[in-house]
């Protein structure tokens, strides 16, 4: 099971990092395409994408938990 999780939770290009990047890019696109002046609703939406991106990116720390489990179980590391 750990060999399957390791790439998904990779600290550089795992799912949390990629999803965080995608959400940040979405927020950027919304900002670039918004009418000026930017409405409060659009600003709230942009903030929500930014915060969600940070939350997903924070999950990259699971990478270290998987590494510890691999060390404890003797599974080969990456």
C-alpha atoms as a PDB file:
ATOM      1  CA  UNK A   1       0.000   0.000   0.000  1.00  0.00           C
ATOM      2  CA  UNK A   2       2.808   2.450   0.821  1.00  0.00           C
ATOM      3  CA  UNK A   3       4.393   2.189  -2.640  1.00  0.00           C
ATOM      4  CA  UNK A   4       1.045   3.268  -4.105  1.00  0.00           C
ATOM      5  CA  UNK A   5       0.653   6.213  -1.731  1.00  0.00           C
ATOM      6  CA  UNK A   6       4.163   7.600  -2.034  1.00  0.00           C
ATOM      7  CA  UNK A   7       3.839   9.055  -5.561  1.00  0.00           C
ATOM      8  CA  UNK A   8       0.362  10.412  -4.832  1.00  0.00           C
ATOM      9  CA  UNK A   9       1.651  12.313  -1.808  1.00  0.00           C
ATOM     10  CA  UNK A  10       5.041  13.293  -3.215  1.00  0.00           C
ATOM     11  CA  UNK A  11       6.279  16.537  -1.699  1.00  0.00           C
ATOM     12  CA  UNK A  12       7.016  18.100  -5.091  1.00  0.00           C
ATOM     13  CA  UNK A  13       4.520  16.730  -7.595  1.00  0.00           C
ATOM     14  CA  UNK A  14       1.946  14.788  -5.622  1.00  0.00           C
ATOM     15  CA  UNK A  15      -1.797  15.358  -5.772  1.00  0.00           C
ATOM     16  CA  UNK A  16      -1.884  18.015  -3.002  1.00  0.00           C
ATOM     17  CA  UNK A  17       0.737  20.142  -4.756  1.00  0.00           C
ATOM     18  CA  UNK A  18      -0.817  19.749  -8.204  1.00  0.00           C
ATOM     19  CA  UNK A  19      -4.322  20.508  -6.972  1.00  0.00           C
ATOM     20  CA  UNK A  20      -3.048  23.529  -5.054  1.00  0.00           C
ATOM     21  CA  UNK A  21      -1.329  24.782  -8.208  1.00  0.00           C
ATOM     22  CA  UNK A  22      -4.498  24.251 -10.265  1.00  0.00           C
ATOM     23  CA  UNK A  23      -6.605  26.174  -7.744  1.00  0.00           C
ATOM     24  CA  UNK A  24      -4.097  29.050  -7.645  1.00  0.00           C
ATOM     25  CA  UNK A  25      -4.098  29.188 -11.447  1.00  0.00           C
ATOM     26  CA  UNK A  26      -7.901  29.228 -11.446  1.00  0.00           C
ATOM     27  CA  UNK A  27      -7.889  32.143  -9.010  1.00  0.00           C
ATOM     28  CA  UNK A  28      -5.414  33.966 -11.249  1.00  0.00           C
ATOM     29  CA  UNK A  29      -7.548  33.411 -14.375  1.00  0.00           C
ATOM     30  CA  UNK A  30     -10.680  34.623 -12.574  1.00  0.00           C
ATOM     31  CA  UNK A  31      -8.805  37.760 -11.534  1.00  0.00           C
ATOM     32  CA  UNK A  32      -7.544  38.434 -15.049  1.00  0.00           C
ATOM     33  CA  UNK A  33     -10.962  37.956 -16.634  1.00  0.00           C
ATOM     34  CA  UNK A  34     -12.942  39.886 -14.034  1.00  0.00           C
ATOM     35  CA  UNK A  35     -14.603  43.129 -15.002  1.00  0.00           C
ATOM     36  CA  UNK A  36     -13.179  46.280 -13.441  1.00  0.00           C
ATOM     37  CA  UNK A  37     -13.891  47.305 -10.843  1.00  0.00           C
ATOM     38  CA  UNK A  38     -13.814  43.767  -9.442  1.00  0.00           C
ATOM     39  CA  UNK A  39     -17.043  42.973  -7.615  1.00  0.00           C
ATOM     40  CA  UNK A  40     -17.130  41.889  -3.984  1.00  0.00           C
ATOM     41  CA  UNK A  41     -18.522  38.525  -5.071  1.00  0.00           C
ATOM     42  CA  UNK A  42     -15.596  37.966  -7.440  1.00  0.00           C
ATOM     43  CA  UNK A  43     -13.131  38.978  -4.730  1.00  0.00           C
ATOM     44  CA  UNK A  44     -14.757  36.478  -2.331  1.00  0.00           C
ATOM     45  CA  UNK A  45     -14.543  33.758  -4.972  1.00  0.00           C
ATOM     46  CA  UNK A  46     -10.876  34.515  -5.616  1.00  0.00           C
ATOM     47  CA  UNK A  47     -10.166  34.408  -1.888  1.00  0.00           C
ATOM     48  CA  UNK A  48     -11.958  31.051  -1.602  1.00  0.00           C
ATOM     49  CA  UNK A  49      -9.797  29.563  -4.386  1.00  0.00           C
ATOM     50  CA  UNK A  50      -6.636  30.966  -2.774  1.00  0.00           C
ATOM     51  CA  UNK A  51      -7.556  29.533   0.635  1.00  0.00           C
ATOM     52  CA  UNK A  52      -8.531  26.154  -0.834  1.00  0.00           C
ATOM     53  CA  UNK A  53      -5.216  26.030  -2.693  1.00  0.00           C
ATOM     54  CA  UNK A  54      -3.332  26.612   0.556  1.00  0.00           C
ATOM     55  CA  UNK A  55      -5.346  23.952   2.383  1.00  0.00           C
ATOM     56  CA  UNK A  56      -4.661  21.343  -0.294  1.00  0.00           C
ATOM     57  CA  UNK A  57      -0.990  22.267  -0.504  1.00  0.00           C
ATOM     58  CA  UNK A  58      -0.694  21.868   3.268  1.00  0.00           C
ATOM     59  CA  UNK A  59      -1.608  18.190   2.863  1.00  0.00           C
ATOM     60  CA  UNK A  60       1.785  17.592   1.233  1.00  0.00           C
ATOM     61  CA  UNK A  61       3.102  16.979   4.756  1.00  0.00           C
ATOM     62  CA  UNK A  62       1.548  13.520   4.513  1.00  0.00           C
ATOM     63  CA  UNK A  63       4.580  12.741   2.357  1.00  0.00           C
ATOM     64  CA  UNK A  64       6.696  12.717   5.518  1.00  0.00           C
ATOM     65  CA  UNK A  65       4.247  10.401   7.303  1.00  0.00           C
ATOM     66  CA  UNK A  66       4.485   7.933   4.424  1.00  0.00           C
ATOM     67  CA  UNK A  67       8.284   8.161   4.577  1.00  0.00           C
ATOM     68  CA  UNK A  68       8.233   7.391   8.321  1.00  0.00           C
ATOM     69  CA  UNK A  69       5.931   4.420   7.761  1.00  0.00           C
ATOM     70  CA  UNK A  70       8.215   3.111   5.025  1.00  0.00           C
ATOM     71  CA  UNK A  71      11.203   3.400   7.343  1.00  0.00           C
ATOM     72  CA  UNK A  72       9.378   1.597  10.157  1.00  0.00           C
ATOM     73  CA  UNK A  73       8.111  -1.178   7.904  1.00  0.00           C
ATOM     74  CA  UNK A  74      11.392  -1.615   6.057  1.00  0.00           C
ATOM     75  CA  UNK A  75       9.735  -0.865   2.713  1.00  0.00           C
ATOM     76  CA  UNK A  76      12.089   0.518   0.064  1.00  0.00           C
ATOM     77  CA  UNK A  77      12.072   4.323  -0.081  1.00  0.00           C
ATOM     78  CA  UNK A  78      12.219   6.653  -3.003  1.00  0.00           C
END
